[in-house]
PDB file of N, CA and C in Angstrom:
ATOM      1  N   MET A   1     -30.831  13.078   5.082  1.00  0.00           N
ATOM      2  CA  MET A   1     -31.262  11.893   5.797  1.00  0.00           C
ATOM      3  C   MET A   1     -30.935  12.051   7.275  1.00  0.00           C
ATOM      4  N   VAL A   2     -31.895  11.816   8.120  1.00  0.00           N
ATOM      5  CA  VAL A   2     -31.697  11.896   9.569  1.00  0.00           C
ATOM      6  C   VAL A   2     -31.106  10.588  10.056  1.00  0.00           C
ATOM      7  N   ARG A   3     -29.958  10.675  10.702  1.00  0.00           N
ATOM      8  CA  ARG A   3     -29.322   9.461  11.240  1.00  0.00           C
ATOM      9  C   ARG A   3     -29.746   9.210  12.669  1.00  0.00           C
ATOM     10  N   ASN A   4     -29.800  10.258  13.464  1.00  0.00           N
ATOM     11  CA  ASN A   4     -30.151  10.114  14.874  1.00  0.00           C
ATOM     12  C   ASN A   4     -31.274  11.078  15.220  1.00  0.00           C
ATOM     13  N   ILE A   5     -32.213  10.594  16.002  1.00  0.00           N
ATOM     14  CA  ILE A   5     -33.273  11.484  16.471  1.00  0.00           C
ATOM     15  C   ILE A   5     -33.200  11.670  17.979  1.00  0.00           C
ATOM     16  N   LEU A   6     -32.132  11.156  18.575  1.00  0.00           N
ATOM     17  CA  LEU A   6     -31.951  11.249  20.019  1.00  0.00           C
ATOM     18  C   LEU A   6     -30.563  11.788  20.307  1.00  0.00           C
ATOM     19  N   SER A   7     -30.486  12.777  21.182  1.00  0.00           N
ATOM     20  CA  SER A   7     -29.178  13.251  21.629  1.00  0.00           C
ATOM     21  C   SER A   7     -29.122  13.144  23.141  1.00  0.00           C
ATOM     22  N   ILE A   8     -27.936  12.865  23.633  1.00  0.00           N
ATOM     23  CA  ILE A   8     -27.724  12.655  25.064  1.00  0.00           C
ATOM     24  C   ILE A   8     -26.569  13.543  25.502  1.00  0.00           C
ATOM     25  N   ASP A   9     -26.829  14.379  26.507  1.00  0.00           N
ATOM     26  CA  ASP A   9     -25.778  15.200  27.099  1.00  0.00           C
ATOM     27  C   ASP A   9     -25.135  14.404  28.225  1.00  0.00           C
ATOM     28  N   VAL A  10     -23.830  14.223  28.161  1.00  0.00           N
ATOM     29  CA  VAL A  10     -23.112  13.454  29.170  1.00  0.00           C
ATOM     30  C   VAL A  10     -22.422  14.429  30.110  1.00  0.00           C
ATOM     31  N   GLU A  11     -23.050  14.603  31.262  1.00  0.00           N
ATOM     32  CA  GLU A  11     -22.510  15.471  32.310  1.00  0.00           C
ATOM     33  C   GLU A  11     -22.745  14.795  33.649  1.00  0.00           C
ATOM     34  N   SER A  12     -21.873  15.027  34.585  1.00  0.00           N
ATOM     35  CA  SER A  12     -22.013  14.451  35.918  1.00  0.00           C
ATOM     36  C   SER A  12     -22.996  15.260  36.754  1.00  0.00           C
ATOM     37  N   TRP A  13     -23.535  14.611  37.763  1.00  0.00           N
ATOM     38  CA  TRP A  13     -24.423  15.321  38.678  1.00  0.00           C
ATOM     39  C   TRP A  13     -23.678  16.477  39.357  1.00  0.00           C
ATOM     40  N   VAL A  14     -22.356  16.369  39.481  1.00  0.00           N
ATOM     41  CA  VAL A  14     -21.618  17.461  40.131  1.00  0.00           C
ATOM     42  C   VAL A  14     -21.640  18.725  39.286  1.00  0.00           C
ATOM     43  N   HIS A  15     -21.958  18.594  37.999  1.00  0.00           N
ATOM     44  CA  HIS A  15     -22.080  19.758  37.137  1.00  0.00           C
ATOM     45  C   HIS A  15     -23.449  20.421  37.262  1.00  0.00           C
ATOM     46  N   PHE A  16     -24.416  19.717  37.851  1.00  0.00           N
ATOM     47  CA  PHE A  16     -25.776  20.237  37.967  1.00  0.00           C
ATOM     48  C   PHE A  16     -26.204  20.514  39.401  1.00  0.00           C
ATOM     49  N   TYR A  17     -25.443  20.047  40.349  1.00  0.00           N
ATOM     50  CA  TYR A  17     -25.801  20.191  41.760  1.00  0.00           C
ATOM     51  C   TYR A  17     -26.107  21.650  42.071  1.00  0.00           C
ATOM     52  N   LYS A  18     -27.072  21.894  42.947  1.00  0.00           N
ATOM     53  CA  LYS A  18     -27.501  23.278  43.194  1.00  0.00           C
ATOM     54  C   LYS A  18     -26.353  24.190  43.621  1.00  0.00           C
ATOM     55  N   ASP A  19     -25.324  23.604  44.198  1.00  0.00           N
ATOM     56  CA  ASP A  19     -24.157  24.395  44.575  1.00  0.00           C
ATOM     57  C   ASP A  19     -22.989  24.148  43.620  1.00  0.00           C
ATOM     58  N   ALA A  20     -23.302  23.754  42.375  1.00  0.00           N
ATOM     59  CA  ALA A  20     -22.253  23.392  41.420  1.00  0.00           C
ATOM     60  C   ALA A  20     -21.259  24.526  41.205  1.00  0.00           C
ATOM     61  N   LEU A  21     -21.737  25.754  41.190  1.00  0.00           N
ATOM     62  CA  LEU A  21     -20.810  26.872  40.987  1.00  0.00           C
ATOM     63  C   LEU A  21     -19.800  26.946  42.117  1.00  0.00           C
ATOM     64  N   ILE A  22     -20.273  26.678  43.334  1.00  0.00           N
ATOM     65  CA  ILE A  22     -19.360  26.669  44.479  1.00  0.00           C
ATOM     66  C   ILE A  22     -18.403  25.486  44.355  1.00  0.00           C
ATOM     67  N   LEU A  23     -18.952  24.291  44.030  1.00  0.00           N
ATOM     68  CA  LEU A  23     -18.107  23.111  43.874  1.00  0.00           C
ATOM     69  C   LEU A  23     -17.047  23.338  42.802  1.00  0.00           C
ATOM     70  N   ASN A  24     -17.442  23.879  41.658  1.00  0.00           N
ATOM     71  CA  ASN A  24     -16.501  24.043  40.562  1.00  0.00           C
ATOM     72  C   ASN A  24     -15.400  25.044  40.880  1.00  0.00           C
ATOM     73  N   HIS A  25     -15.661  26.001  41.750  1.00  0.00           N
ATOM     74  CA  HIS A  25     -14.637  26.979  42.086  1.00  0.00           C
ATOM     75  C   HIS A  25     -13.779  26.536  43.266  1.00  0.00           C
ATOM     76  N   SER A  26     -14.322  25.658  44.106  1.00  0.00           N
ATOM     77  CA  SER A  26     -13.571  25.298  45.309  1.00  0.00           C
ATOM     78  C   SER A  26     -12.976  23.901  45.252  1.00  0.00           C
ATOM     79  N   THR A  27     -13.239  23.151  44.193  1.00  0.00           N
ATOM     80  CA  THR A  27     -12.696  21.805  44.091  1.00  0.00           C
ATOM     81  C   THR A  27     -11.946  21.642  42.779  1.00  0.00           C
ATOM     82  N   THR A  28     -11.061  20.680  42.774  1.00  0.00           N
ATOM     83  CA  THR A  28     -10.319  20.373  41.549  1.00  0.00           C
ATOM     84  C   THR A  28     -11.104  19.347  40.742  1.00  0.00           C
ATOM     85  N   SER A  29     -10.661  19.116  39.539  1.00  0.00           N
ATOM     86  CA  SER A  29     -11.284  18.095  38.700  1.00  0.00           C
ATOM     87  C   SER A  29     -11.186  16.723  39.357  1.00  0.00           C
ATOM     88  N   VAL A  30     -10.060  16.450  40.001  1.00  0.00           N
ATOM     89  CA  VAL A  30      -9.890  15.168  40.699  1.00  0.00           C
ATOM     90  C   VAL A  30     -10.910  15.043  41.823  1.00  0.00           C
ATOM     91  N   ASP A  31     -11.110  16.127  42.571  1.00  0.00           N
ATOM     92  CA  ASP A  31     -12.110  16.113  43.645  1.00  0.00           C
ATOM     93  C   ASP A  31     -13.509  15.855  43.092  1.00  0.00           C
ATOM     94  N   ARG A  32     -13.833  16.492  41.958  1.00  0.00           N
ATOM     95  CA  ARG A  32     -15.157  16.306  41.357  1.00  0.00           C
ATOM     96  C   ARG A  32     -15.341  14.876  40.852  1.00  0.00           C
ATOM     97  N   LYS A  33     -14.248  14.289  40.334  1.00  0.00           N
ATOM     98  CA  LYS A  33     -14.349  12.891  39.887  1.00  0.00           C
ATOM     99  C   LYS A  33     -14.625  11.973  41.069  1.00  0.00           C
ATOM    100  N   VAL A  34     -13.988  12.231  42.190  1.00  0.00           N
ATOM    101  CA  VAL A  34     -14.248  11.431  43.399  1.00  0.00           C
ATOM    102  C   VAL A  34     -15.713  11.574  43.800  1.00  0.00           C
ATOM    103  N   LEU A  35     -16.238  12.794  43.759  1.00  0.00           N
ATOM    104  CA  LEU A  35     -17.648  13.020  44.076  1.00  0.00           C
ATOM    105  C   LEU A  35     -18.572  12.308  43.089  1.00  0.00           C
ATOM    106  N   ASP A  36     -18.167  12.243  41.845  1.00  0.00           N
ATOM    107  CA  ASP A  36     -18.955  11.569  40.809  1.00  0.00           C
ATOM    108  C   ASP A  36     -19.134  10.081  41.128  1.00  0.00           C
ATOM    109  N   ASN A  37     -18.131   9.469  41.742  1.00  0.00           N
ATOM    110  CA  ASN A  37     -18.222   8.093  42.230  1.00  0.00           C
ATOM    111  C   ASN A  37     -18.639   7.100  41.134  1.00  0.00           C
ATOM    112  N   ASN A  38     -18.041   7.243  39.952  1.00  0.00           N
ATOM    113  CA  ASN A  38     -18.326   6.355  38.804  1.00  0.00           C
ATOM    114  C   ASN A  38     -19.753   6.431  38.299  1.00  0.00           C
ATOM    115  N   TYR A  39     -20.440   7.517  38.573  1.00  0.00           N
ATOM    116  CA  TYR A  39     -21.814   7.687  38.102  1.00  0.00           C
ATOM    117  C   TYR A  39     -21.891   7.617  36.573  1.00  0.00           C
ATOM    118  N   ILE A  40     -20.972   8.263  35.891  1.00  0.00           N
ATOM    119  CA  ILE A  40     -21.020   8.337  34.429  1.00  0.00           C
ATOM    120  C   ILE A  40     -20.906   6.953  33.785  1.00  0.00           C
ATOM    121  N   PRO A  41     -19.897   6.142  34.121  1.00  0.00           N
ATOM    122  CA  PRO A  41     -19.824   4.815  33.494  1.00  0.00           C
ATOM    123  C   PRO A  41     -21.054   3.952  33.786  1.00  0.00           C
ATOM    124  N   ILE A  42     -21.566   4.023  34.989  1.00  0.00           N
ATOM    125  CA  ILE A  42     -22.749   3.240  35.353  1.00  0.00           C
ATOM    126  C   ILE A  42     -23.960   3.698  34.549  1.00  0.00           C
ATOM    127  N   ALA A  43     -24.165   5.008  34.482  1.00  0.00           N
ATOM    128  CA  ALA A  43     -25.315   5.549  33.750  1.00  0.00           C
ATOM    129  C   ALA A  43     -25.209   5.243  32.258  1.00  0.00           C
ATOM    130  N   LEU A  44     -24.012   5.407  31.690  1.00  0.00           N
ATOM    131  CA  LEU A  44     -23.856   5.141  30.262  1.00  0.00           C
ATOM    132  C   LEU A  44     -24.040   3.665  29.936  1.00  0.00           C
ATOM    133  N   ASP A  45     -23.592   2.780  30.810  1.00  0.00           N
ATOM    134  CA  ASP A  45     -23.816   1.349  30.579  1.00  0.00           C
ATOM    135  C   ASP A  45     -25.310   1.044  30.495  1.00  0.00           C
ATOM    136  N   ARG A  46     -26.101   1.664  31.345  1.00  0.00           N
ATOM    137  CA  ARG A  46     -27.558   1.468  31.307  1.00  0.00           C
ATOM    138  C   ARG A  46     -28.157   2.046  30.023  1.00  0.00           C
ATOM    139  N   ILE A  47     -27.671   3.202  29.630  1.00  0.00           N
ATOM    140  CA  ILE A  47     -28.151   3.821  28.385  1.00  0.00           C
ATOM    141  C   ILE A  47     -27.771   2.962  27.186  1.00  0.00           C
ATOM    142  N   PHE A  48     -26.523   2.471  27.150  1.00  0.00           N
ATOM    143  CA  PHE A  48     -26.093   1.604  26.054  1.00  0.00           C
ATOM    144  C   PHE A  48     -26.979   0.367  25.952  1.00  0.00           C
ATOM    145  N   ALA A  49     -27.317  -0.225  27.094  1.00  0.00           N
ATOM    146  CA  ALA A  49     -28.164  -1.427  27.098  1.00  0.00           C
ATOM    147  C   ALA A  49     -29.541  -1.122  26.507  1.00  0.00           C
ATOM    148  N   LEU A  50     -30.122   0.014  26.880  1.00  0.00           N
ATOM    149  CA  LEU A  50     -31.435   0.381  26.333  1.00  0.00           C
ATOM    150  C   LEU A  50     -31.366   0.646  24.829  1.00  0.00           C
ATOM    151  N   LEU A  51     -30.353   1.371  24.412  1.00  0.00           N
ATOM    152  CA  LEU A  51     -30.217   1.664  22.987  1.00  0.00           C
ATOM    153  C   LEU A  51     -30.004   0.380  22.185  1.00  0.00           C
ATOM    154  N   LYS A  52     -29.210  -0.527  22.722  1.00  0.00           N
ATOM    155  CA  LYS A  52     -28.972  -1.800  22.038  1.00  0.00           C
ATOM    156  C   LYS A  52     -30.253  -2.631  21.990  1.00  0.00           C
ATOM    157  N   LYS A  53     -30.980  -2.670  23.094  1.00  0.00           N
ATOM    158  CA  LYS A  53     -32.232  -3.440  23.166  1.00  0.00           C
ATOM    159  C   LYS A  53     -33.204  -3.023  22.071  1.00  0.00           C
ATOM    160  N   TYR A  54     -33.280  -1.722  21.816  1.00  0.00           N
ATOM    161  CA  TYR A  54     -34.214  -1.198  20.826  1.00  0.00           C
ATOM    162  C   TYR A  54     -33.552  -0.877  19.481  1.00  0.00           C
ATOM    163  N   ASN A  55     -32.295  -1.321  19.330  1.00  0.00           N
ATOM    164  CA  ASN A  55     -31.551  -1.136  18.090  1.00  0.00           C
ATOM    165  C   ASN A  55     -31.570   0.325  17.626  1.00  0.00           C
ATOM    166  N   GLN A  56     -31.206   1.211  18.538  1.00  0.00           N
ATOM    167  CA  GLN A  56     -31.216   2.644  18.262  1.00  0.00           C
ATOM    168  C   GLN A  56     -29.815   3.230  18.433  1.00  0.00           C
ATOM    169  N   LYS A  57     -29.581   4.313  17.749  1.00  0.00           N
ATOM    170  CA  LYS A  57     -28.332   5.058  17.875  1.00  0.00           C
ATOM    171  C   LYS A  57     -28.659   6.462  18.372  1.00  0.00           C
ATOM    172  N   ALA A  58     -27.674   7.094  18.982  1.00  0.00           N
ATOM    173  CA  ALA A  58     -27.872   8.443  19.518  1.00  0.00           C
ATOM    174  C   ALA A  58     -26.615   9.270  19.270  1.00  0.00           C
ATOM    175  N   THR A  59     -26.785  10.561  19.338  1.00  0.00           N
ATOM    176  CA  THR A  59     -25.662  11.485  19.317  1.00  0.00           C
ATOM    177  C   THR A  59     -25.363  11.875  20.754  1.00  0.00           C
ATOM    178  N   PHE A  60     -24.128  11.765  21.156  1.00  0.00           N
ATOM    179  CA  PHE A  60     -23.714  12.083  22.520  1.00  0.00           C
ATOM    180  C   PHE A  60     -22.903  13.377  22.523  1.00  0.00           C
ATOM    181  N   PHE A  61     -23.263  14.271  23.410  1.00  0.00           N
ATOM    182  CA  PHE A  61     -22.515  15.506  23.634  1.00  0.00           C
ATOM    183  C   PHE A  61     -21.845  15.364  25.000  1.00  0.00           C
ATOM    184  N   VAL A  62     -20.522  15.382  25.009  1.00  0.00           N
ATOM    185  CA  VAL A  62     -19.767  15.047  26.207  1.00  0.00           C
ATOM    186  C   VAL A  62     -18.993  16.256  26.717  1.00  0.00           C
ATOM    187  N   VAL A  63     -19.154  16.563  27.992  1.00  0.00           N
ATOM    188  CA  VAL A  63     -18.361  17.600  28.648  1.00  0.00           C
ATOM    189  C   VAL A  63     -16.904  17.131  28.662  1.00  0.00           C
ATOM    190  N   ALA A  64     -15.990  18.005  28.294  1.00  0.00           N
ATOM    191  CA  ALA A  64     -14.573  17.632  28.182  1.00  0.00           C
ATOM    192  C   ALA A  64     -14.031  17.016  29.463  1.00  0.00           C
ATOM    193  N   GLU A  65     -14.443  17.518  30.602  1.00  0.00           N
ATOM    194  CA  GLU A  65     -13.966  16.981  31.868  1.00  0.00           C
ATOM    195  C   GLU A  65     -14.353  15.511  32.025  1.00  0.00           C
ATOM    196  N   ILE A  66     -15.508  15.137  31.505  1.00  0.00           N
ATOM    197  CA  ILE A  66     -15.946  13.747  31.574  1.00  0.00           C
ATOM    198  C   ILE A  66     -15.018  12.864  30.744  1.00  0.00           C
ATOM    199  N   TYR A  67     -14.601  13.334  29.582  1.00  0.00           N
ATOM    200  CA  TYR A  67     -13.648  12.574  28.770  1.00  0.00           C
ATOM    201  C   TYR A  67     -12.333  12.398  29.527  1.00  0.00           C
ATOM    202  N   ASP A  68     -11.899  13.444  30.210  1.00  0.00           N
ATOM    203  CA  ASP A  68     -10.664  13.345  30.999  1.00  0.00           C
ATOM    204  C   ASP A  68     -10.800  12.293  32.093  1.00  0.00           C
ATOM    205  N   TRP A  69     -11.973  12.219  32.721  1.00  0.00           N
ATOM    206  CA  TRP A  69     -12.192  11.270  33.817  1.00  0.00           C
ATOM    207  C   TRP A  69     -12.328   9.837  33.328  1.00  0.00           C
ATOM    208  N   TYR A  70     -13.072   9.637  32.267  1.00  0.00           N
ATOM    209  CA  TYR A  70     -13.454   8.290  31.826  1.00  0.00           C
ATOM    210  C   TYR A  70     -13.232   8.096  30.328  1.00  0.00           C
ATOM    211  N   PRO A  71     -12.004   8.184  29.842  1.00  0.00           N
ATOM    212  CA  PRO A  71     -11.785   8.067  28.391  1.00  0.00           C
ATOM    213  C   PRO A  71     -12.251   6.728  27.825  1.00  0.00           C
ATOM    214  N   ASN A  72     -12.087   5.640  28.554  1.00  0.00           N
ATOM    215  CA  ASN A  72     -12.515   4.333  28.047  1.00  0.00           C
ATOM    216  C   ASN A  72     -14.026   4.254  27.898  1.00  0.00           C
ATOM    217  N   THR A  73     -14.734   4.825  28.833  1.00  0.00           N
ATOM    218  CA  THR A  73     -16.194   4.821  28.753  1.00  0.00           C
ATOM    219  C   THR A  73     -16.656   5.659  27.572  1.00  0.00           C
ATOM    220  N   ILE A  74     -16.006   6.783  27.356  1.00  0.00           N
ATOM    221  CA  ILE A  74     -16.387   7.632  26.232  1.00  0.00           C
ATOM    222  C   ILE A  74     -16.031   6.944  24.914  1.00  0.00           C
ATOM    223  N   GLU A  75     -14.908   6.246  24.857  1.00  0.00           N
ATOM    224  CA  GLU A  75     -14.555   5.492  23.656  1.00  0.00           C
ATOM    225  C   GLU A  75     -15.602   4.415  23.366  1.00  0.00           C
ATOM    226  N   GLU A  76     -16.273   3.928  24.403  1.00  0.00           N
ATOM    227  CA  GLU A  76     -17.329   2.931  24.232  1.00  0.00           C
ATOM    228  C   GLU A  76     -18.494   3.489  23.416  1.00  0.00           C
ATOM    229  N   ILE A  77     -18.690   4.792  23.467  1.00  0.00           N
ATOM    230  CA  ILE A  77     -19.722   5.417  22.621  1.00  0.00           C
ATOM    231  C   ILE A  77     -19.454   5.073  21.170  1.00  0.00           C
ATOM    232  N   LEU A  78     -18.207   5.195  20.752  1.00  0.00           N
ATOM    233  CA  LEU A  78     -17.843   4.876  19.366  1.00  0.00           C
ATOM    234  C   LEU A  78     -17.956   3.371  19.104  1.00  0.00           C
ATOM    235  N   THR A  79     -17.484   2.569  20.056  1.00  0.00           N
ATOM    236  CA  THR A  79     -17.538   1.116  19.907  1.00  0.00           C
ATOM    237  C   THR A  79     -18.977   0.636  19.733  1.00  0.00           C
ATOM    238  N   GLN A  80     -19.915   1.284  20.435  1.00  0.00           N
ATOM    239  CA  GLN A  80     -21.320   0.918  20.351  1.00  0.00           C
ATOM    240  C   GLN A  80     -21.968   1.389  19.047  1.00  0.00           C
ATOM    241  N   GLY A  81     -21.215   2.129  18.229  1.00  0.00           N
ATOM    242  CA  GLY A  81     -21.726   2.566  16.939  1.00  0.00           C
ATOM    243  C   GLY A  81     -22.385   3.922  16.941  1.00  0.00           C
ATOM    244  N   HIS A  82     -22.182   4.677  17.992  1.00  0.00           N
ATOM    245  CA  HIS A  82     -22.732   6.017  18.081  1.00  0.00           C
ATOM    246  C   HIS A  82     -21.659   6.992  17.601  1.00  0.00           C
ATOM    247  N   ALA A  83     -21.355   6.945  16.332  1.00  0.00           N
ATOM    248  CA  ALA A  83     -20.205   7.654  15.770  1.00  0.00           C
ATOM    249  C   ALA A  83     -20.351   9.166  15.740  1.00  0.00           C
ATOM    250  N   ASP A  84     -21.549   9.664  15.952  1.00  0.00           N
ATOM    251  CA  ASP A  84     -21.751  11.116  15.891  1.00  0.00           C
ATOM    252  C   ASP A  84     -21.512  11.782  17.235  1.00  0.00           C
ATOM    253  N   CYS A  85     -20.615  11.244  18.049  1.00  0.00           N
ATOM    254  CA  CYS A  85     -20.390  11.859  19.358  1.00  0.00           C
ATOM    255  C   CYS A  85     -19.535  13.095  19.195  1.00  0.00           C
ATOM    256  N   LEU A  86     -19.783  14.081  20.047  1.00  0.00           N
ATOM    257  CA  LEU A  86     -19.038  15.339  20.025  1.00  0.00           C
ATOM    258  C   LEU A  86     -18.465  15.587  21.399  1.00  0.00           C
TER     259      LEU A  86
END
């Protein structure tokens, strides 16, 4: 039985920026979180609202650094009923 047909990769824009390799080698995790500027919690709140509106669940794949930055936001994935998060 298929439970989820949607998966969401949770990564910050700092992980995708064209100079991300330079950023990741020259900045600390704290520096990258400052650059992220709460993008992840804001984006996930919007995603949660859409999923709730359409009564849908998703599987979330989360970069470990994101969990370190925003553990409460990531815990919200479980609270929202998206139990298949990795």
